[in-house]
């Protein structure tokens, strides 16, 4: 759960496989884009899950449409790219929330959909999803500014400056919100920070 993601107080490590992938993706290299997507998508989805709940995958899809459209005009390094994708994801999430406030969604019963076998081990996927979902649900109980700061700093791995740019705040405010959020989570779990 939360223990599986160490708080580094800053940047996510740059994966060696991503060295130069951003520049190659901007020139149209599909394999490089695929590597970027695989590196960034899990953290982006976790961040969006805190903002929009079960609609995170849909919002992430909308974000990736914009990311692919505007990729050639992006300027910056891999950390900047992660922050840029989080910013786009946040904007799409806020649009999604505004849209659904105006038009509520009706849930469809599960029996309307045919059964399909899963390509992977469903039990393992369910256990992992439950643990991740529980951690994100716990984070989502924090005040919004703290929840966003925790997810951007800890899960997505942005430094305070990049997270501040995403949230439109000062880096010190993001550090404080992340600290308070982590402290509240630790208190709820009965663990020291």
N, C-alpha and C. Protein backbone atom coordinates (compact mmCIF):
# COMPACT_ATOMS: atom_id res chain seq x y z
N UNK A 1 0.84 -1.17 0.00
CA UNK A 1 0.00 0.00 0.00
C UNK A 1 0.88 1.24 0.00
N UNK A 2 0.71 2.14 0.96
CA UNK A 2 1.51 3.35 0.98
C UNK A 2 2.97 3.06 1.24
N UNK A 3 3.25 1.95 1.95
CA UNK A 3 4.64 1.62 2.25
C UNK A 3 5.41 1.23 1.00
N UNK A 4 4.72 0.79 -0.04
CA UNK A 4 5.42 0.33 -1.24
C UNK A 4 5.97 1.47 -2.08
N UNK A 5 5.55 2.70 -1.79
CA UNK A 5 6.04 3.86 -2.54
C UNK A 5 6.80 4.74 -1.57
N UNK A 6 8.14 4.66 -1.56
CA UNK A 6 8.90 5.46 -0.61
C UNK A 6 8.80 6.94 -0.94
N UNK A 7 8.71 7.77 0.10
CA UNK A 7 8.67 9.21 -0.10
C UNK A 7 10.10 9.70 -0.23
N UNK A 8 10.43 10.15 -1.41
CA UNK A 8 11.78 10.61 -1.67
C UNK A 8 11.87 12.12 -1.57
N UNK A 9 10.73 12.74 -1.36
CA UNK A 9 10.73 14.19 -1.26
C UNK A 9 11.18 14.86 -2.54
N UNK A 10 10.99 14.23 -3.66
CA UNK A 10 11.42 14.87 -4.89
C UNK A 10 11.25 14.01 -6.11
N UNK A 11 12.26 14.00 -6.92
CA UNK A 11 12.18 13.45 -8.26
C UNK A 11 12.11 11.92 -8.30
N UNK A 12 11.35 11.44 -9.28
CA UNK A 12 11.35 10.01 -9.56
C UNK A 12 12.65 9.69 -10.29
N UNK A 13 13.21 8.50 -10.07
CA UNK A 13 14.45 8.18 -10.76
C UNK A 13 14.23 8.10 -12.27
N UNK A 14 15.20 8.56 -13.03
CA UNK A 14 15.10 8.47 -14.48
C UNK A 14 15.49 7.06 -14.88
N UNK A 15 14.57 6.38 -15.53
CA UNK A 15 14.84 5.02 -15.96
C UNK A 15 15.83 5.06 -17.12
N UNK A 16 16.85 4.18 -17.09
CA UNK A 16 17.84 4.17 -18.17
C UNK A 16 17.21 3.95 -19.54
N UNK A 17 16.14 3.17 -19.61
CA UNK A 17 15.48 2.91 -20.89
C UNK A 17 14.84 4.17 -21.47
N UNK A 18 14.65 5.19 -20.63
CA UNK A 18 14.01 6.42 -21.10
C UNK A 18 15.02 7.48 -21.52
N UNK A 19 16.29 7.19 -21.36
CA UNK A 19 17.32 8.14 -21.75
C UNK A 19 17.18 8.46 -23.24
N UNK A 20 16.81 9.66 -23.56
CA UNK A 20 16.65 10.08 -24.95
C UNK A 20 15.31 9.72 -25.56
N UNK A 21 14.46 9.01 -24.81
CA UNK A 21 13.16 8.58 -25.37
C UNK A 21 12.27 9.78 -25.68
N UNK A 22 12.34 10.81 -24.87
CA UNK A 22 11.49 11.97 -25.09
C UNK A 22 11.79 12.63 -26.43
N UNK A 23 13.06 12.85 -26.70
CA UNK A 23 13.45 13.48 -27.97
C UNK A 23 13.06 12.60 -29.16
N UNK A 24 13.27 11.29 -29.02
CA UNK A 24 12.92 10.38 -30.12
C UNK A 24 11.40 10.35 -30.33
N UNK A 25 10.65 10.37 -29.23
CA UNK A 25 9.18 10.38 -29.35
C UNK A 25 8.71 11.65 -30.04
N UNK A 26 9.34 12.76 -29.74
CA UNK A 26 8.96 14.01 -30.37
C UNK A 26 9.24 14.00 -31.88
N UNK A 27 10.18 13.16 -32.29
CA UNK A 27 10.48 13.03 -33.73
C UNK A 27 9.63 11.94 -34.38
N UNK A 28 8.72 11.32 -33.61
CA UNK A 28 7.81 10.35 -34.19
C UNK A 28 8.15 8.89 -33.96
N UNK A 29 9.12 8.60 -33.11
CA UNK A 29 9.50 7.22 -32.83
C UNK A 29 8.44 6.58 -31.92
N UNK A 30 7.69 5.62 -32.48
CA UNK A 30 6.60 4.98 -31.75
C UNK A 30 7.09 4.17 -30.55
N UNK A 31 8.23 3.49 -30.69
CA UNK A 31 8.76 2.70 -29.57
C UNK A 31 9.15 3.61 -28.41
N UNK A 32 9.73 4.76 -28.71
CA UNK A 32 10.10 5.71 -27.66
C UNK A 32 8.85 6.26 -26.97
N UNK A 33 7.82 6.57 -27.75
CA UNK A 33 6.57 7.06 -27.16
C UNK A 33 5.96 5.98 -26.27
N UNK A 34 5.99 4.74 -26.73
CA UNK A 34 5.46 3.63 -25.95
C UNK A 34 6.19 3.53 -24.60
N UNK A 35 7.51 3.69 -24.62
CA UNK A 35 8.30 3.63 -23.38
C UNK A 35 7.91 4.78 -22.44
N UNK A 36 7.73 5.96 -22.98
CA UNK A 36 7.30 7.10 -22.17
C UNK A 36 5.93 6.85 -21.56
N UNK A 37 5.02 6.37 -22.38
CA UNK A 37 3.66 6.09 -21.93
C UNK A 37 3.68 5.08 -20.78
N UNK A 38 4.43 4.01 -20.95
CA UNK A 38 4.49 2.97 -19.92
C UNK A 38 5.12 3.49 -18.63
N UNK A 39 6.02 4.42 -18.73
CA UNK A 39 6.67 4.98 -17.55
C UNK A 39 5.78 5.99 -16.83
N UNK A 40 5.00 6.75 -17.58
CA UNK A 40 4.24 7.86 -17.00
C UNK A 40 2.79 7.48 -16.66
N UNK A 41 2.17 6.63 -17.44
CA UNK A 41 0.76 6.31 -17.29
C UNK A 41 0.35 5.81 -15.91
N UNK A 42 1.08 4.89 -15.28
CA UNK A 42 0.62 4.42 -13.95
C UNK A 42 0.51 5.55 -12.92
N UNK A 43 1.52 6.40 -12.84
CA UNK A 43 1.47 7.51 -11.89
C UNK A 43 0.38 8.51 -12.24
N UNK A 44 0.19 8.77 -13.52
CA UNK A 44 -0.86 9.70 -13.96
C UNK A 44 -2.22 9.15 -13.57
N UNK A 45 -2.45 7.86 -13.80
CA UNK A 45 -3.74 7.26 -13.44
C UNK A 45 -3.99 7.31 -11.94
N UNK A 46 -2.95 7.08 -11.16
CA UNK A 46 -3.12 7.13 -9.70
C UNK A 46 -3.48 8.54 -9.26
N UNK A 47 -2.83 9.52 -9.85
CA UNK A 47 -3.14 10.92 -9.54
C UNK A 47 -4.58 11.22 -9.92
N UNK A 48 -4.98 10.81 -11.12
CA UNK A 48 -6.33 11.10 -11.58
C UNK A 48 -7.38 10.34 -10.76
N UNK A 49 -7.03 9.16 -10.25
CA UNK A 49 -7.98 8.40 -9.43
C UNK A 49 -8.33 9.17 -8.17
N UNK A 50 -7.37 9.91 -7.63
CA UNK A 50 -7.65 10.73 -6.45
C UNK A 50 -8.60 11.87 -6.82
N UNK A 51 -8.48 12.39 -8.03
CA UNK A 51 -9.30 13.52 -8.44
C UNK A 51 -10.69 13.10 -8.92
N UNK A 52 -10.78 12.03 -9.73
CA UNK A 52 -12.07 11.69 -10.36
C UNK A 52 -12.55 10.27 -10.06
N UNK A 53 -11.86 9.55 -9.21
CA UNK A 53 -12.31 8.21 -8.84
C UNK A 53 -12.21 7.23 -9.98
N UNK A 54 -13.28 6.46 -10.15
CA UNK A 54 -13.28 5.37 -11.13
C UNK A 54 -13.20 5.84 -12.58
N UNK A 55 -13.35 7.11 -12.83
CA UNK A 55 -13.26 7.63 -14.20
C UNK A 55 -11.83 7.99 -14.61
N UNK A 56 -10.86 7.63 -13.78
CA UNK A 56 -9.47 8.01 -14.02
C UNK A 56 -8.95 7.54 -15.38
N UNK A 57 -9.26 6.31 -15.76
CA UNK A 57 -8.78 5.79 -17.05
C UNK A 57 -9.33 6.60 -18.22
N UNK A 58 -10.61 6.96 -18.14
CA UNK A 58 -11.22 7.76 -19.20
C UNK A 58 -10.57 9.14 -19.30
N UNK A 59 -10.35 9.75 -18.15
CA UNK A 59 -9.73 11.07 -18.13
C UNK A 59 -8.29 10.98 -18.63
N UNK A 60 -7.59 9.91 -18.24
CA UNK A 60 -6.21 9.72 -18.72
C UNK A 60 -6.19 9.58 -20.24
N UNK A 61 -7.16 8.88 -20.79
CA UNK A 61 -7.23 8.74 -22.25
C UNK A 61 -7.38 10.09 -22.92
N UNK A 62 -8.24 10.93 -22.36
CA UNK A 62 -8.40 12.28 -22.92
C UNK A 62 -7.11 13.08 -22.79
N UNK A 63 -6.43 12.92 -21.67
CA UNK A 63 -5.16 13.63 -21.46
C UNK A 63 -4.13 13.17 -22.49
N UNK A 64 -4.04 11.85 -22.74
CA UNK A 64 -3.05 11.34 -23.69
C UNK A 64 -3.36 11.79 -25.11
N UNK A 65 -4.62 12.01 -25.43
CA UNK A 65 -4.94 12.57 -26.75
C UNK A 65 -4.30 13.95 -26.91
N UNK A 66 -4.43 14.77 -25.88
CA UNK A 66 -3.83 16.10 -25.94
C UNK A 66 -2.30 16.01 -25.90
N UNK A 67 -1.78 15.11 -25.09
CA UNK A 67 -0.32 14.96 -24.99
C UNK A 67 0.26 14.58 -26.34
N UNK A 68 -0.34 13.61 -27.01
CA UNK A 68 0.18 13.19 -28.32
C UNK A 68 0.05 14.31 -29.34
N UNK A 69 -1.04 15.05 -29.27
CA UNK A 69 -1.24 16.16 -30.21
C UNK A 69 -0.19 17.25 -30.03
N UNK A 70 0.17 17.54 -28.78
CA UNK A 70 1.05 18.67 -28.49
C UNK A 70 2.50 18.26 -28.18
N UNK A 71 2.82 16.98 -28.29
CA UNK A 71 4.14 16.48 -27.91
C UNK A 71 5.27 17.20 -28.65
N UNK A 72 5.11 17.44 -29.92
CA UNK A 72 6.18 18.07 -30.70
C UNK A 72 6.51 19.48 -30.20
N UNK A 73 5.55 20.14 -29.59
CA UNK A 73 5.80 21.51 -29.12
C UNK A 73 6.32 21.56 -27.68
N UNK A 74 6.36 20.41 -27.00
CA UNK A 74 6.85 20.38 -25.62
C UNK A 74 8.34 20.70 -25.59
N UNK A 75 8.76 21.51 -24.61
CA UNK A 75 10.16 21.82 -24.40
C UNK A 75 10.50 21.52 -22.96
N UNK A 76 11.50 20.66 -22.75
CA UNK A 76 11.92 20.34 -21.40
C UNK A 76 12.48 18.95 -21.31
N UNK A 77 12.82 18.56 -20.07
CA UNK A 77 13.40 17.24 -19.83
C UNK A 77 12.32 16.26 -19.38
N UNK A 78 12.74 15.07 -18.97
CA UNK A 78 11.79 14.03 -18.58
C UNK A 78 10.98 14.43 -17.35
N UNK A 79 11.62 15.06 -16.37
CA UNK A 79 10.87 15.53 -15.20
C UNK A 79 9.84 16.58 -15.60
N UNK A 80 10.23 17.46 -16.50
CA UNK A 80 9.30 18.45 -17.01
C UNK A 80 8.15 17.79 -17.77
N UNK A 81 8.45 16.71 -18.48
CA UNK A 81 7.41 15.98 -19.21
C UNK A 81 6.41 15.37 -18.24
N UNK A 82 6.91 14.79 -17.15
CA UNK A 82 5.99 14.22 -16.15
C UNK A 82 5.08 15.31 -15.58
N UNK A 83 5.65 16.46 -15.27
CA UNK A 83 4.85 17.56 -14.74
C UNK A 83 3.86 18.06 -15.78
N UNK A 84 4.29 18.14 -17.03
CA UNK A 84 3.42 18.58 -18.11
C UNK A 84 2.24 17.63 -18.27
N UNK A 85 2.51 16.32 -18.23
CA UNK A 85 1.41 15.35 -18.36
C UNK A 85 0.47 15.44 -17.17
N UNK A 86 1.01 15.67 -15.96
CA UNK A 86 0.15 15.81 -14.78
C UNK A 86 -0.72 17.06 -14.89
N UNK A 87 -0.16 18.14 -15.43
CA UNK A 87 -0.93 19.36 -15.62
C UNK A 87 -2.07 19.13 -16.60
N UNK A 88 -1.76 18.50 -17.71
CA UNK A 88 -2.80 18.21 -18.70
C UNK A 88 -3.85 17.29 -18.09
N UNK A 89 -3.41 16.26 -17.37
CA UNK A 89 -4.35 15.36 -16.71
C UNK A 89 -5.24 16.09 -15.72
N UNK A 90 -4.66 16.99 -14.96
CA UNK A 90 -5.45 17.76 -13.98
C UNK A 90 -6.49 18.62 -14.68
N UNK A 91 -6.10 19.26 -15.77
CA UNK A 91 -7.07 20.08 -16.51
C UNK A 91 -8.20 19.23 -17.06
N UNK A 92 -7.88 18.06 -17.59
CA UNK A 92 -8.92 17.17 -18.12
C UNK A 92 -9.81 16.68 -16.98
N UNK A 93 -9.22 16.42 -15.80
CA UNK A 93 -10.00 15.96 -14.65
C UNK A 93 -10.97 17.06 -14.18
N UNK A 94 -10.49 18.28 -14.12
CA UNK A 94 -11.37 19.38 -13.71
C UNK A 94 -12.49 19.59 -14.73
N UNK A 95 -12.17 19.46 -16.02
CA UNK A 95 -13.21 19.53 -17.05
C UNK A 95 -14.23 18.42 -16.85
N UNK A 96 -13.75 17.23 -16.57
CA UNK A 96 -14.61 16.06 -16.35
C UNK A 96 -15.54 16.30 -15.17
N UNK A 97 -14.99 16.81 -14.07
CA UNK A 97 -15.81 17.07 -12.89
C UNK A 97 -16.87 18.14 -13.17
N UNK A 98 -16.50 19.19 -13.89
CA UNK A 98 -17.48 20.22 -14.25
C UNK A 98 -18.59 19.64 -15.11
N UNK A 99 -18.20 18.83 -16.08
CA UNK A 99 -19.18 18.22 -16.98
C UNK A 99 -20.16 17.32 -16.21
N UNK A 100 -19.64 16.53 -15.29
CA UNK A 100 -20.50 15.60 -14.56
C UNK A 100 -21.33 16.27 -13.48
N UNK A 101 -20.96 17.46 -13.07
CA UNK A 101 -21.82 18.21 -12.16
C UNK A 101 -23.07 18.66 -12.90
N UNK A 102 -22.91 18.94 -14.19
CA UNK A 102 -24.04 19.36 -15.01
C UNK A 102 -24.87 18.18 -15.50
N UNK A 103 -24.20 17.05 -15.76
CA UNK A 103 -24.88 15.87 -16.30
C UNK A 103 -24.50 14.64 -15.49
N UNK A 104 -25.32 14.27 -14.51
CA UNK A 104 -25.00 13.08 -13.71
C UNK A 104 -24.97 11.82 -14.57
N UNK A 105 -24.15 10.86 -14.15
CA UNK A 105 -23.99 9.61 -14.89
C UNK A 105 -24.85 8.53 -14.24
N UNK A 106 -25.59 7.79 -15.07
CA UNK A 106 -26.37 6.66 -14.57
C UNK A 106 -25.51 5.40 -14.67
N UNK A 107 -25.50 4.61 -13.60
CA UNK A 107 -24.70 3.39 -13.58
C UNK A 107 -25.45 2.28 -14.31
N UNK A 108 -24.71 1.45 -15.05
CA UNK A 108 -25.28 0.29 -15.74
C UNK A 108 -25.02 -0.96 -14.92
N UNK A 109 -26.01 -1.83 -14.79
CA UNK A 109 -25.79 -3.08 -14.05
C UNK A 109 -24.74 -3.95 -14.73
N UNK A 110 -23.97 -4.67 -13.93
CA UNK A 110 -22.90 -5.51 -14.46
C UNK A 110 -23.43 -6.62 -15.37
N UNK A 111 -24.65 -7.07 -15.14
CA UNK A 111 -25.18 -8.17 -15.96
C UNK A 111 -25.52 -7.74 -17.39
N UNK A 112 -25.40 -6.47 -17.70
CA UNK A 112 -25.60 -6.00 -19.07
C UNK A 112 -24.40 -6.33 -19.96
N UNK A 113 -23.29 -6.66 -19.35
CA UNK A 113 -22.07 -6.88 -20.11
C UNK A 113 -21.72 -8.37 -20.15
N UNK A 114 -21.31 -8.86 -21.29
CA UNK A 114 -20.96 -10.29 -21.38
C UNK A 114 -19.67 -10.57 -20.61
N UNK A 115 -19.56 -11.81 -20.17
CA UNK A 115 -18.33 -12.20 -19.46
C UNK A 115 -17.21 -12.41 -20.46
N UNK A 116 -16.04 -11.95 -20.09
CA UNK A 116 -14.84 -12.13 -20.90
C UNK A 116 -13.72 -12.60 -20.00
N UNK A 117 -12.95 -13.60 -20.43
CA UNK A 117 -11.83 -14.02 -19.59
C UNK A 117 -10.73 -12.96 -19.62
N UNK A 118 -10.09 -12.79 -18.49
CA UNK A 118 -9.00 -11.82 -18.40
C UNK A 118 -7.72 -12.45 -18.97
N UNK A 119 -6.89 -11.65 -19.66
CA UNK A 119 -5.67 -12.19 -20.23
C UNK A 119 -4.59 -12.48 -19.18
N UNK A 120 -4.72 -11.89 -17.98
CA UNK A 120 -3.71 -12.11 -16.94
C UNK A 120 -4.36 -12.79 -15.73
N UNK A 121 -3.61 -13.00 -14.69
CA UNK A 121 -4.12 -13.64 -13.49
C UNK A 121 -5.04 -12.67 -12.76
N UNK A 122 -6.30 -12.95 -12.78
CA UNK A 122 -7.30 -12.06 -12.21
C UNK A 122 -7.12 -11.91 -10.71
N UNK A 123 -6.76 -12.97 -10.02
CA UNK A 123 -6.60 -12.89 -8.56
C UNK A 123 -5.47 -11.94 -8.19
N UNK A 124 -4.32 -12.07 -8.86
CA UNK A 124 -3.20 -11.17 -8.57
C UNK A 124 -3.56 -9.73 -8.89
N UNK A 125 -4.21 -9.52 -10.03
CA UNK A 125 -4.61 -8.17 -10.43
C UNK A 125 -5.59 -7.59 -9.41
N UNK A 126 -6.51 -8.41 -8.92
CA UNK A 126 -7.49 -7.94 -7.94
C UNK A 126 -6.83 -7.55 -6.63
N UNK A 127 -5.87 -8.35 -6.18
CA UNK A 127 -5.17 -8.04 -4.93
C UNK A 127 -4.39 -6.74 -5.07
N UNK A 128 -3.67 -6.59 -6.18
CA UNK A 128 -2.90 -5.37 -6.39
C UNK A 128 -3.82 -4.17 -6.53
N UNK A 129 -4.91 -4.31 -7.27
CA UNK A 129 -5.85 -3.20 -7.46
C UNK A 129 -6.51 -2.82 -6.14
N UNK A 130 -6.81 -3.82 -5.31
CA UNK A 130 -7.43 -3.54 -4.02
C UNK A 130 -6.48 -2.76 -3.12
N UNK A 131 -5.22 -3.18 -3.07
CA UNK A 131 -4.24 -2.48 -2.24
C UNK A 131 -4.01 -1.07 -2.75
N UNK A 132 -3.84 -0.93 -4.05
CA UNK A 132 -3.64 0.40 -4.63
C UNK A 132 -4.90 1.24 -4.45
N UNK A 133 -6.04 0.64 -4.71
CA UNK A 133 -7.30 1.36 -4.56
C UNK A 133 -7.52 1.81 -3.13
N UNK A 134 -7.18 0.96 -2.17
CA UNK A 134 -7.33 1.32 -0.76
C UNK A 134 -6.41 2.48 -0.40
N UNK A 135 -5.17 2.43 -0.89
CA UNK A 135 -4.23 3.52 -0.62
C UNK A 135 -4.72 4.83 -1.23
N UNK A 136 -5.18 4.76 -2.46
CA UNK A 136 -5.66 5.98 -3.13
C UNK A 136 -6.95 6.48 -2.49
N UNK A 137 -7.81 5.56 -2.05
CA UNK A 137 -9.04 5.97 -1.36
C UNK A 137 -8.70 6.67 -0.05
N UNK A 138 -7.69 6.16 0.65
CA UNK A 138 -7.26 6.80 1.89
C UNK A 138 -6.70 8.19 1.61
N UNK A 139 -5.91 8.31 0.57
CA UNK A 139 -5.37 9.63 0.19
C UNK A 139 -6.50 10.56 -0.20
N UNK A 140 -7.52 10.04 -0.88
CA UNK A 140 -8.64 10.87 -1.33
C UNK A 140 -9.46 11.42 -0.17
N UNK A 141 -9.31 10.87 1.04
CA UNK A 141 -10.04 11.40 2.20
C UNK A 141 -9.39 12.66 2.76
N UNK A 142 -8.18 12.94 2.32
CA UNK A 142 -7.49 14.16 2.75
C UNK A 142 -8.15 15.38 2.11
N UNK A 143 -7.93 16.56 2.67
CA UNK A 143 -8.37 17.77 1.96
C UNK A 143 -7.73 17.79 0.56
N UNK A 144 -8.44 18.32 -0.40
CA UNK A 144 -8.03 18.23 -1.80
C UNK A 144 -6.60 18.71 -2.04
N UNK A 145 -6.20 19.85 -1.44
CA UNK A 145 -4.85 20.35 -1.69
C UNK A 145 -3.80 19.38 -1.16
N UNK A 146 -4.06 18.77 -0.02
CA UNK A 146 -3.12 17.80 0.53
C UNK A 146 -3.09 16.52 -0.30
N UNK A 147 -4.26 16.04 -0.72
CA UNK A 147 -4.33 14.82 -1.52
C UNK A 147 -3.57 15.00 -2.83
N UNK A 148 -3.78 16.11 -3.51
CA UNK A 148 -3.08 16.35 -4.77
C UNK A 148 -1.57 16.47 -4.55
N UNK A 149 -1.18 17.16 -3.50
CA UNK A 149 0.25 17.32 -3.22
C UNK A 149 0.90 15.97 -2.91
N UNK A 150 0.24 15.14 -2.12
CA UNK A 150 0.79 13.82 -1.79
C UNK A 150 0.93 12.97 -3.04
N UNK A 151 -0.10 12.92 -3.86
CA UNK A 151 -0.05 12.07 -5.05
C UNK A 151 1.01 12.58 -6.03
N UNK A 152 1.06 13.88 -6.26
CA UNK A 152 2.06 14.41 -7.20
C UNK A 152 3.48 14.19 -6.70
N UNK A 153 3.70 14.37 -5.41
CA UNK A 153 5.05 14.22 -4.86
C UNK A 153 5.45 12.76 -4.69
N UNK A 154 4.57 11.94 -4.11
CA UNK A 154 4.92 10.58 -3.74
C UNK A 154 4.65 9.58 -4.85
N UNK A 155 3.49 9.64 -5.45
CA UNK A 155 3.11 8.64 -6.45
C UNK A 155 3.67 8.99 -7.82
N UNK A 156 3.44 10.22 -8.27
CA UNK A 156 3.93 10.63 -9.58
C UNK A 156 5.43 10.89 -9.53
N UNK A 157 5.94 11.34 -8.38
CA UNK A 157 7.37 11.55 -8.21
C UNK A 157 7.87 12.91 -8.65
N UNK A 158 6.99 13.90 -8.66
CA UNK A 158 7.42 15.25 -9.04
C UNK A 158 8.10 15.94 -7.87
N UNK A 159 9.04 16.82 -8.17
CA UNK A 159 9.64 17.62 -7.12
C UNK A 159 8.66 18.74 -6.77
N UNK A 160 8.95 19.49 -5.71
CA UNK A 160 8.03 20.52 -5.24
C UNK A 160 7.79 21.59 -6.29
N UNK A 161 8.83 21.96 -7.03
CA UNK A 161 8.68 23.01 -8.04
C UNK A 161 7.75 22.56 -9.17
N UNK A 162 7.93 21.33 -9.65
CA UNK A 162 7.08 20.82 -10.73
C UNK A 162 5.64 20.63 -10.24
N UNK A 163 5.47 20.08 -9.03
CA UNK A 163 4.13 19.91 -8.48
C UNK A 163 3.45 21.27 -8.28
N UNK A 164 4.22 22.26 -7.87
CA UNK A 164 3.67 23.61 -7.70
C UNK A 164 3.18 24.17 -9.03
N UNK A 165 3.93 23.91 -10.09
CA UNK A 165 3.51 24.38 -11.41
C UNK A 165 2.21 23.72 -11.83
N UNK A 166 2.06 22.44 -11.52
CA UNK A 166 0.82 21.72 -11.86
C UNK A 166 -0.36 22.31 -11.10
N UNK A 167 -0.16 22.59 -9.82
CA UNK A 167 -1.25 23.05 -8.96
C UNK A 167 -1.44 24.56 -8.95
N UNK A 168 -0.52 25.28 -9.56
CA UNK A 168 -0.63 26.74 -9.56
C UNK A 168 -0.35 27.34 -8.18
N UNK A 169 0.58 26.74 -7.44
CA UNK A 169 0.94 27.20 -6.10
C UNK A 169 2.44 27.40 -6.01
N UNK A 170 2.90 27.89 -4.88
CA UNK A 170 4.33 28.02 -4.62
C UNK A 170 4.87 26.67 -4.16
N UNK A 171 6.16 26.38 -4.43
CA UNK A 171 6.75 25.11 -3.99
C UNK A 171 6.64 24.88 -2.48
N UNK A 172 6.82 25.93 -1.69
CA UNK A 172 6.72 25.79 -0.24
C UNK A 172 5.32 25.36 0.18
N UNK A 173 4.30 25.88 -0.48
CA UNK A 173 2.92 25.50 -0.16
C UNK A 173 2.68 24.03 -0.49
N UNK A 174 3.28 23.56 -1.58
CA UNK A 174 3.13 22.15 -1.97
C UNK A 174 3.86 21.25 -0.96
N UNK A 175 5.07 21.64 -0.58
CA UNK A 175 5.81 20.85 0.42
C UNK A 175 5.03 20.76 1.74
N UNK A 176 4.46 21.88 2.15
CA UNK A 176 3.69 21.91 3.39
C UNK A 176 2.45 21.04 3.29
N UNK A 177 1.73 21.15 2.17
CA UNK A 177 0.52 20.34 1.99
C UNK A 177 0.86 18.86 1.95
N UNK A 178 1.94 18.50 1.27
CA UNK A 178 2.35 17.09 1.20
C UNK A 178 2.74 16.59 2.59
N UNK A 179 3.48 17.39 3.33
CA UNK A 179 3.88 17.00 4.68
C UNK A 179 2.65 16.79 5.57
N UNK A 180 1.73 17.76 5.54
CA UNK A 180 0.52 17.64 6.37
C UNK A 180 -0.30 16.42 5.96
N UNK A 181 -0.42 16.19 4.66
CA UNK A 181 -1.16 15.03 4.19
C UNK A 181 -0.53 13.73 4.63
N UNK A 182 0.80 13.62 4.50
CA UNK A 182 1.50 12.40 4.92
C UNK A 182 1.40 12.22 6.43
N UNK A 183 1.46 13.30 7.15
CA UNK A 183 1.33 13.24 8.61
C UNK A 183 -0.06 12.74 9.00
N UNK A 184 -1.08 13.25 8.34
CA UNK A 184 -2.45 12.81 8.62
C UNK A 184 -2.62 11.33 8.29
N UNK A 185 -2.08 10.91 7.16
CA UNK A 185 -2.16 9.49 6.78
C UNK A 185 -1.44 8.61 7.79
N UNK A 186 -0.27 9.05 8.23
CA UNK A 186 0.49 8.28 9.22
C UNK A 186 -0.30 8.18 10.53
N UNK A 187 -0.93 9.27 10.94
CA UNK A 187 -1.74 9.24 12.16
C UNK A 187 -2.90 8.27 12.01
N UNK A 188 -3.55 8.29 10.86
CA UNK A 188 -4.69 7.38 10.62
C UNK A 188 -4.25 5.92 10.60
N UNK A 189 -3.04 5.68 10.13
CA UNK A 189 -2.53 4.31 10.08
C UNK A 189 -1.79 3.92 11.35
N UNK A 190 -1.63 4.89 12.27
CA UNK A 190 -0.93 4.61 13.52
C UNK A 190 0.55 4.39 13.35
N UNK A 191 1.17 5.08 12.39
CA UNK A 191 2.60 4.93 12.11
C UNK A 191 3.28 6.28 12.18
N UNK A 192 4.56 6.29 12.58
CA UNK A 192 5.31 7.56 12.57
C UNK A 192 5.68 7.95 11.15
N UNK A 193 5.83 9.27 10.93
CA UNK A 193 6.23 9.76 9.59
C UNK A 193 7.69 9.53 9.38
